[in-house]
Structure formats: structure tokens, C-alpha cells
């Protein structure tokens, strides 16, 4: 079973290394962590904080490829080692040295990047006993500064000797050192407007960053592709067209663009020179206040006949 888990772990690294290839900005890294180990839980299946042993880990990390790192952690710690399957134990000082492959999911300049790791390690118990294990785990790094990360990791170590499976947890700092030989991916900007093609909605037309790289010939803040009047500065509410008389009707649709008027009159005002309530265009006597029933003409004697027709 242990051999199957190990094989699957290494196959996962090989299969995903190409799929998740990304640029790494540093050749080397150095991590210092405080670690906790629990050898009794895999035997008793009973979690007890009193069974945790503490220590220090220093890990050298080498960039191998955009997706893979090599980790070499050295630990010195104390642990409660099982002496039998009934939960008997003894406290012992240990040192360990591992060789790990780390599969990264995000490049280091990211705010956060997780990674999987697997490898092989040797443990020195006391001064004489040496045993070996296969660590499998997960790490998580949070960027604090440009090259400094809060580094967390956890591993289940498959012991190749009896009663030596264990859990290990670590927390500390990771510092990236040096620069990578790999070049970061080049930014493509086909139209040369300063907006990368991947963010440019008009990659073949030079435009403004504020408009995601799209042009705006009249400078009204509306991209030409959405502007019905691209050569005249206008209003967003009128799809980029101007409205000189501010009546809410675009000049191109306004029959009286310099006189405000209602939409039902195509933007033209209702003129009534004699103020009799009859529009001039329908008023037969536009300069004399009159009755609407008489076409806007007056009827001084109130006989129902307009003065102009009254003999």
C-alpha cells in the first residue's frame, strides 16, 4: 500500500509538471520553520497535543523548472516514539534530512502559492539508529514582501520501519534568493497603446487604457465601437451623440436642434405667439388671441363667427 501511494505521488508530479508550468523569479530559497511531529497518532489513532514534539527545520530550495522545485530540509527535534502498538512510547532526540520534489501551482510573485511535495528522507534517532521514510505533503506560502513569504507545510511521513509513520507540521519564513535564468513571458501589445493584448478589447486599434485599449476619436469617454456619433463628443445616455438644446433628443434626430422641444414634436418647441393656447402652426390668426373652436381667431360679438368672417 505504501509503495502504491508513493508511486501515485510521483506520477502526479510528472503528469502535472507540464500542465502547470509557470515562470519562477528566483533560483534559490531558504526557509526556517518551527515544526511539530506526532508519531503516536498513526499507531493509536488518538490525537493528543501532549504527544507533539517540537523542533526546528531549515530548508534549502532550488528552482528546477517553472513548475518544479527541489527541497532539502534538515530538521532537529524531539519526538515521542512508539515502543509498541498499545501506545507505549519514549522521548528521543532526532535529526532528519530529506530530498523533496515540489510541484508548484502558482509562481512565486503571486500573493499566495500552494505546492505538493513528495520525496525520500533519512532519520537519525539518538546517535545510532537510522531509519528511512517517504514524506508526502502540502505547502502554502503567503507573500509578505517582494521576496519574503509566510511558509506553512504539513506532511504525512510513511515510515519504512515499523511504528515510524508520523505527522509533521511546520510554520516559518521563506526567503527567495537570486534571479532565475528563465525569462518571464513577454507582454504582447499588437497596437502599441500600452494595453497588453490579453486585456485589450480592441487589440488591433490603438486606444486608451481607461477604455481597455479601445479608441475614442471625439474624446467623450465612449469607445468608437459603441458611439453612434464617433466624430462628435456627446452623452453616454444618447449613445455618444450631442444634444445642443438639452431636450433629451440627440441632435441627429432633432428637427429643431437649437430649440428644446418634446419628443412627440421631434424636438421642436410648441410656438404660440398670441398665447391663446392654439399653436401657431394651427392658428388661423396667430397674432390675435382667439378661440380654439374658431381656429385661434377672435369673436368680439360672441356670435360664433370669427371676426375675420363676420360682416
Protein backbone atom coordinates (compact mmCIF):
# COMPACT_ATOMS: atom_id res chain seq x y z
CA UNK A 1 0.00 0.00 0.00
CA UNK A 2 2.79 2.42 0.91
CA UNK A 3 4.59 1.67 -2.36
CA UNK A 4 1.37 2.36 -4.32
CA UNK A 5 0.89 5.73 -2.61
CA UNK A 6 4.48 6.68 -3.33
CA UNK A 7 4.19 5.68 -6.99
CA UNK A 8 0.97 7.63 -7.46
CA UNK A 9 2.52 10.72 -5.86
CA UNK A 10 5.50 10.75 -8.20
CA UNK A 11 3.28 10.06 -11.22
CA UNK A 12 1.12 13.05 -10.25
CA UNK A 13 4.19 15.29 -10.19
CA UNK A 14 5.32 14.07 -13.61
CA UNK A 15 1.87 14.42 -15.19
CA UNK A 16 1.07 17.88 -13.84
CA UNK A 17 4.50 19.45 -14.21
CA UNK A 18 3.84 20.39 -17.84
CA UNK A 19 0.23 21.43 -17.32
CA UNK A 20 1.14 23.92 -14.60
CA UNK A 21 4.42 25.24 -15.98
CA UNK A 22 4.95 28.87 -14.91
CA UNK A 23 7.77 31.32 -14.58
CA UNK A 24 9.70 31.40 -11.31
CA UNK A 25 11.56 34.58 -10.45
CA UNK A 26 14.27 33.14 -8.19
CA UNK A 27 16.87 30.38 -8.39
CA UNK A 28 17.06 29.62 -4.70
CA UNK A 29 15.12 29.89 -1.49
CA UNK A 30 15.84 29.40 2.20
CA UNK A 31 13.14 28.58 4.76
CA UNK A 32 13.29 28.44 8.55
CA UNK A 33 10.34 26.83 10.31
CA UNK A 34 9.26 25.65 13.74
CA UNK A 35 8.00 22.08 13.45
CA UNK A 36 5.73 19.75 15.38
CA UNK A 37 5.70 15.97 14.98
CA UNK A 38 3.34 13.25 16.17
CA UNK A 39 4.45 9.62 15.95
CA UNK A 40 1.74 8.21 18.22
CA UNK A 41 -1.36 9.24 16.26
CA UNK A 42 -0.76 6.80 13.34
CA UNK A 43 -0.46 3.98 15.93
CA UNK A 44 -3.21 4.84 18.43
CA UNK A 45 -5.45 6.95 16.10
CA UNK A 46 -5.97 9.17 19.13
CA UNK A 47 -4.95 12.81 18.73
CA UNK A 48 -3.37 14.25 21.85
CA UNK A 49 -1.49 17.55 21.91
CA UNK A 50 0.72 16.15 24.66
CA UNK A 51 2.13 13.76 22.05
CA UNK A 52 3.54 16.58 19.92
CA UNK A 53 7.29 17.04 19.81
CA UNK A 54 8.85 20.32 18.70
CA UNK A 55 11.94 21.31 16.77
CA UNK A 56 13.47 23.47 14.04
CA UNK A 57 13.73 22.97 10.30
CA UNK A 58 15.93 24.74 7.79
CA UNK A 59 15.22 24.02 4.14
CA UNK A 60 17.20 24.86 1.03
CA UNK A 61 15.03 25.18 -2.09
CA UNK A 62 16.35 25.08 -5.66
CA UNK A 63 14.36 26.15 -8.71
CA UNK A 64 14.44 23.32 -11.29
CA UNK A 65 11.78 24.37 -13.79
CA UNK A 66 8.79 26.69 -13.94
CA UNK A 67 6.68 24.04 -12.16
CA UNK A 68 9.20 22.13 -10.03
CA UNK A 69 11.47 22.89 -7.11
CA UNK A 70 13.92 20.69 -5.26
CA UNK A 71 13.72 20.95 -1.47
CA UNK A 72 16.36 19.75 1.00
CA UNK A 73 15.05 20.21 4.57
CA UNK A 74 17.17 19.43 7.64
CA UNK A 75 15.37 19.07 10.97
CA UNK A 76 16.47 18.66 14.56
CA UNK A 77 13.67 17.91 17.00
CA UNK A 78 12.34 15.84 19.88
CA UNK A 79 9.57 13.28 19.47
CA UNK A 80 7.62 10.70 21.44
CA UNK A 81 8.46 7.46 19.63
CA UNK A 82 6.15 4.43 19.91
CA UNK A 83 7.67 1.34 21.50
CA UNK A 84 4.69 -0.95 20.84
CA UNK A 85 1.25 -0.93 19.21
CA UNK A 86 -0.51 -0.36 22.55
CA UNK A 87 0.68 3.24 22.82
CA UNK A 88 3.88 2.83 24.77
CA UNK A 89 6.49 5.46 23.94
CA UNK A 90 9.81 7.01 24.78
CA UNK A 91 11.08 10.54 24.22
CA UNK A 92 14.00 10.77 21.84
CA UNK A 93 16.04 13.43 20.06
CA UNK A 94 16.10 13.13 16.27
CA UNK A 95 17.69 14.62 13.19
CA UNK A 96 16.40 14.17 9.67
CA UNK A 97 17.44 15.06 6.14
CA UNK A 98 15.07 14.81 3.18
CA UNK A 99 15.19 15.20 -0.58
CA UNK A 100 11.87 16.52 -1.90
CA UNK A 101 10.30 17.40 -5.23
CA UNK A 102 7.83 20.28 -5.02
CA UNK A 103 5.06 20.75 -7.60
CA UNK A 104 4.06 24.43 -7.70
CA UNK A 105 0.62 25.68 -8.72
CA UNK A 106 1.37 29.44 -8.86
CA UNK A 107 4.60 31.30 -9.50
CA UNK A 108 6.41 32.95 -6.59
CA UNK A 109 5.49 36.58 -7.38
CA UNK A 110 1.87 35.65 -6.61
CA UNK A 111 0.41 36.70 -3.26
CA UNK A 112 -0.22 33.06 -2.44
CA UNK A 113 1.05 29.83 -3.93
CA UNK A 114 0.44 26.25 -2.83
CA UNK A 115 2.55 23.25 -3.72
CA UNK A 116 2.55 19.48 -3.31
CA UNK A 117 5.69 17.63 -2.35
CA UNK A 118 6.99 14.09 -2.11
CA UNK A 119 10.40 12.56 -1.61
CA UNK A 120 12.66 10.38 0.50
CA UNK A 121 14.25 11.00 3.87
CA UNK A 122 16.55 9.56 6.50
CA UNK A 123 16.12 9.92 10.27
CA UNK A 124 18.76 9.56 12.97
CA UNK A 125 17.29 8.53 16.34
CA UNK A 126 19.59 9.23 19.23
CA UNK A 127 23.11 8.69 17.97
CA UNK A 128 22.86 5.21 16.50
CA UNK A 129 19.54 4.23 14.94
CA UNK A 130 18.86 5.22 11.34
CA UNK A 131 15.56 4.66 9.58
CA UNK A 132 14.01 5.90 6.38
CA UNK A 133 10.68 7.41 5.39
CA UNK A 134 8.70 8.76 2.45
CA UNK A 135 7.21 12.25 3.12
CA UNK A 136 4.06 13.27 1.24
CA UNK A 137 2.57 16.68 1.89
CA UNK A 138 1.23 20.10 1.05
CA UNK A 139 2.81 23.54 1.46
CA UNK A 140 1.29 27.01 1.36
CA UNK A 141 3.21 30.28 1.07
CA UNK A 142 1.78 33.79 1.60
CA UNK A 143 3.78 36.77 0.30
CA UNK A 144 4.70 39.32 3.00
CA UNK A 145 7.21 41.33 0.94
CA UNK A 146 8.67 41.01 -2.55
CA UNK A 147 10.88 38.02 -1.69
CA UNK A 148 9.61 37.04 1.76
CA UNK A 149 6.79 34.61 2.48
CA UNK A 150 4.98 33.16 5.45
CA UNK A 151 5.57 29.46 4.89
CA UNK A 152 3.28 26.67 6.12
CA UNK A 153 3.63 22.96 5.40
CA UNK A 154 2.24 19.66 6.56
CA UNK A 155 3.30 16.10 5.75
CA UNK A 156 2.45 12.50 6.42
CA UNK A 157 5.66 10.52 6.57
CA UNK A 158 5.42 6.86 5.64
CA UNK A 159 8.00 5.08 7.75
CA UNK A 160 9.80 2.17 6.11
CA UNK A 161 10.33 0.66 9.58
CA UNK A 162 7.59 -0.48 11.95
CA UNK A 163 5.93 2.15 14.17
CA UNK A 164 7.58 5.04 12.37
CA UNK A 165 4.71 6.61 10.41
CA UNK A 166 4.22 10.18 11.65
CA UNK A 167 2.59 13.53 11.04
CA UNK A 168 4.65 16.71 10.79
CA UNK A 169 3.56 20.37 10.68
CA UNK A 170 5.72 23.44 10.16
CA UNK A 171 5.39 27.23 10.12
CA UNK A 172 8.01 29.90 9.48
CA UNK A 173 9.50 32.20 6.86
CA UNK A 174 10.69 31.59 3.30
CA UNK A 175 13.11 33.99 1.59
CA UNK A 176 13.72 33.82 -2.17
CA UNK A 177 17.29 34.43 -3.29
CA UNK A 178 18.79 35.43 -6.63
CA UNK A 179 17.21 35.68 -10.05
CA UNK A 180 16.14 32.89 -12.34
CA UNK A 181 17.80 32.16 -15.68
CA UNK A 182 14.34 31.76 -17.15
CA UNK A 183 12.88 34.83 -18.81
CA UNK A 184 9.40 35.96 -17.83
CA UNK A 185 6.80 35.73 -20.59
CA UNK A 186 6.88 38.74 -22.90
CA UNK A 187 3.88 41.04 -22.95
CA UNK A 188 2.26 41.29 -26.39
CA UNK A 189 0.79 44.67 -27.35
CA UNK A 190 -0.07 44.50 -31.06
CA UNK A 191 -1.36 48.07 -31.42
CA UNK A 192 1.30 49.66 -29.18
CA UNK A 193 -1.17 51.52 -26.96
CA UNK A 194 0.31 50.29 -23.69
CA UNK A 195 -2.52 47.84 -23.01
CA UNK A 196 -1.46 44.17 -23.31
CA UNK A 197 -3.44 42.19 -25.87
CA UNK A 198 -4.76 39.90 -23.14
CA UNK A 199 -6.51 42.92 -21.55
CA UNK A 200 -7.19 44.88 -24.76
CA UNK A 201 -10.76 44.81 -26.10
CA UNK A 202 -9.51 46.38 -29.36
CA UNK A 203 -6.07 44.75 -29.79
CA UNK A 204 -5.67 45.92 -33.41
CA UNK A 205 -6.62 49.57 -32.76
CA UNK A 206 -4.62 51.88 -30.52
CA UNK A 207 -6.81 53.20 -27.75
CA UNK A 208 -6.97 54.44 -24.19
CA UNK A 209 -6.16 52.35 -21.10
CA UNK A 210 -9.30 53.69 -19.41
CA UNK A 211 -11.36 52.20 -22.28
CA UNK A 212 -9.50 48.86 -22.21
CA UNK A 213 -7.45 49.79 -25.26
CA UNK A 214 -10.31 50.97 -27.50
CA UNK A 215 -10.16 54.27 -29.45
CA UNK A 216 -12.33 57.33 -28.72
CA UNK A 217 -11.95 59.81 -31.58
CA UNK A 218 -14.18 62.53 -30.09
CA UNK A 219 -12.86 62.17 -26.54
CA UNK A 220 -16.27 61.81 -24.91
CA UNK A 221 -15.35 58.69 -22.95
CA UNK A 222 -17.42 56.38 -25.14
CA UNK A 223 -15.47 53.87 -27.30
CA UNK A 224 -15.90 54.45 -31.03
CA UNK A 225 -17.38 50.97 -31.43
CA UNK A 226 -20.26 51.92 -29.13
CA UNK A 227 -20.53 55.59 -30.20
CA UNK A 228 -23.29 56.44 -32.70
CA UNK A 229 -21.62 59.83 -33.27
CA UNK A 230 -17.90 58.93 -33.09
CA UNK A 231 -16.74 62.28 -34.53
CA UNK A 232 -18.83 64.47 -32.20
CA UNK A 233 -18.47 64.50 -28.42
CA UNK A 234 -21.75 63.53 -26.84
CA UNK A 235 -23.55 61.99 -23.91
CA UNK A 236 -23.48 58.40 -22.73
CA UNK A 237 -27.27 58.50 -22.31
CA UNK A 238 -27.59 59.33 -26.03
CA UNK A 239 -25.00 56.72 -27.14
CA UNK A 240 -22.30 59.33 -27.62
CA UNK A 241 -24.34 61.87 -29.61
CA UNK A 242 -24.59 65.60 -28.73
CA UNK A 243 -27.74 67.45 -27.66
CA UNK A 244 -27.21 71.21 -28.09
CA UNK A 245 -30.62 72.30 -26.78
CA UNK A 246 -30.54 69.76 -23.93
CA UNK A 247 -34.05 68.50 -24.59
CA UNK A 248 -33.01 64.84 -24.32
CA UNK A 249 -33.15 64.28 -28.10
CA UNK A 250 -29.89 63.70 -29.96
CA UNK A 251 -29.15 66.46 -32.48
CA UNK A 252 -29.11 63.92 -35.33
CA UNK A 253 -32.75 63.07 -34.54
CA UNK A 254 -33.83 66.61 -33.54
CA UNK A 255 -35.66 68.68 -36.18
CA UNK A 256 -35.02 71.78 -34.07
CA UNK A 257 -31.58 71.07 -32.53
CA UNK A 258 -31.19 74.61 -31.17
CA UNK A 259 -34.68 74.88 -29.63
CA UNK A 260 -35.78 72.50 -26.90
CA UNK A 261 -38.95 70.60 -27.64
CA UNK A 262 -40.79 67.39 -26.77
CA UNK A 263 -40.10 64.07 -28.42
CA UNK A 264 -43.63 63.89 -29.86
CA UNK A 265 -42.79 67.05 -31.84
CA UNK A 266 -39.39 65.62 -32.93
CA UNK A 267 -37.62 68.04 -30.64
CA UNK A 268 -39.35 71.19 -31.86
CA UNK A 269 -40.99 73.65 -29.45
CA UNK A 270 -44.69 74.43 -29.26
CA UNK A 271 -44.87 78.11 -30.52
CA UNK A 272 -47.91 80.25 -29.65
CA UNK A 273 -47.18 83.91 -30.40
CA UNK A 274 -50.58 85.22 -29.21
CA UNK A 275 -50.68 82.85 -26.24
CA UNK A 276 -54.23 81.71 -26.88
CA UNK A 277 -53.39 78.04 -26.44
CA UNK A 278 -53.53 77.31 -30.17
CA UNK A 279 -50.10 76.51 -31.70
CA UNK A 280 -49.02 78.96 -34.38
CA UNK A 281 -48.91 76.22 -36.97
CA UNK A 282 -52.62 75.53 -36.41
CA UNK A 283 -53.64 79.12 -35.59
CA UNK A 284 -55.50 80.90 -38.39
CA UNK A 285 -54.97 84.18 -36.51
CA UNK A 286 -51.50 83.67 -34.97
CA UNK A 287 -51.10 87.26 -33.82
CA UNK A 288 -54.59 87.68 -32.29
CA UNK A 289 -55.71 85.73 -29.22
CA UNK A 290 -58.77 83.72 -30.12
CA UNK A 291 -60.85 80.64 -29.56
CA UNK A 292 -59.67 77.16 -30.35
CA UNK A 293 -63.15 76.39 -31.71
CA UNK A 294 -62.59 79.13 -34.29
CA UNK A 295 -59.06 78.09 -35.29
CA UNK A 296 -57.50 80.55 -32.85
CA UNK A 297 -59.35 83.58 -34.20
CA UNK A 298 -61.25 86.14 -32.05
CA UNK A 299 -65.03 86.64 -31.90
CA UNK A 300 -65.72 90.05 -30.33
CA UNK A 301 -69.52 89.86 -30.55
CA UNK A 302 -69.63 86.27 -29.41
CA UNK A 303 -71.93 85.23 -32.22
CA UNK A 304 -69.91 82.16 -33.01
CA UNK A 305 -68.45 83.65 -36.19
CA UNK A 306 -64.79 84.59 -36.27
CA UNK A 307 -64.29 88.32 -36.65
CA UNK A 308 -62.42 87.83 -39.88
CA UNK A 309 -65.53 86.21 -41.36
CA UNK A 310 -68.13 88.34 -39.55
CA UNK A 311 -69.79 91.06 -41.68
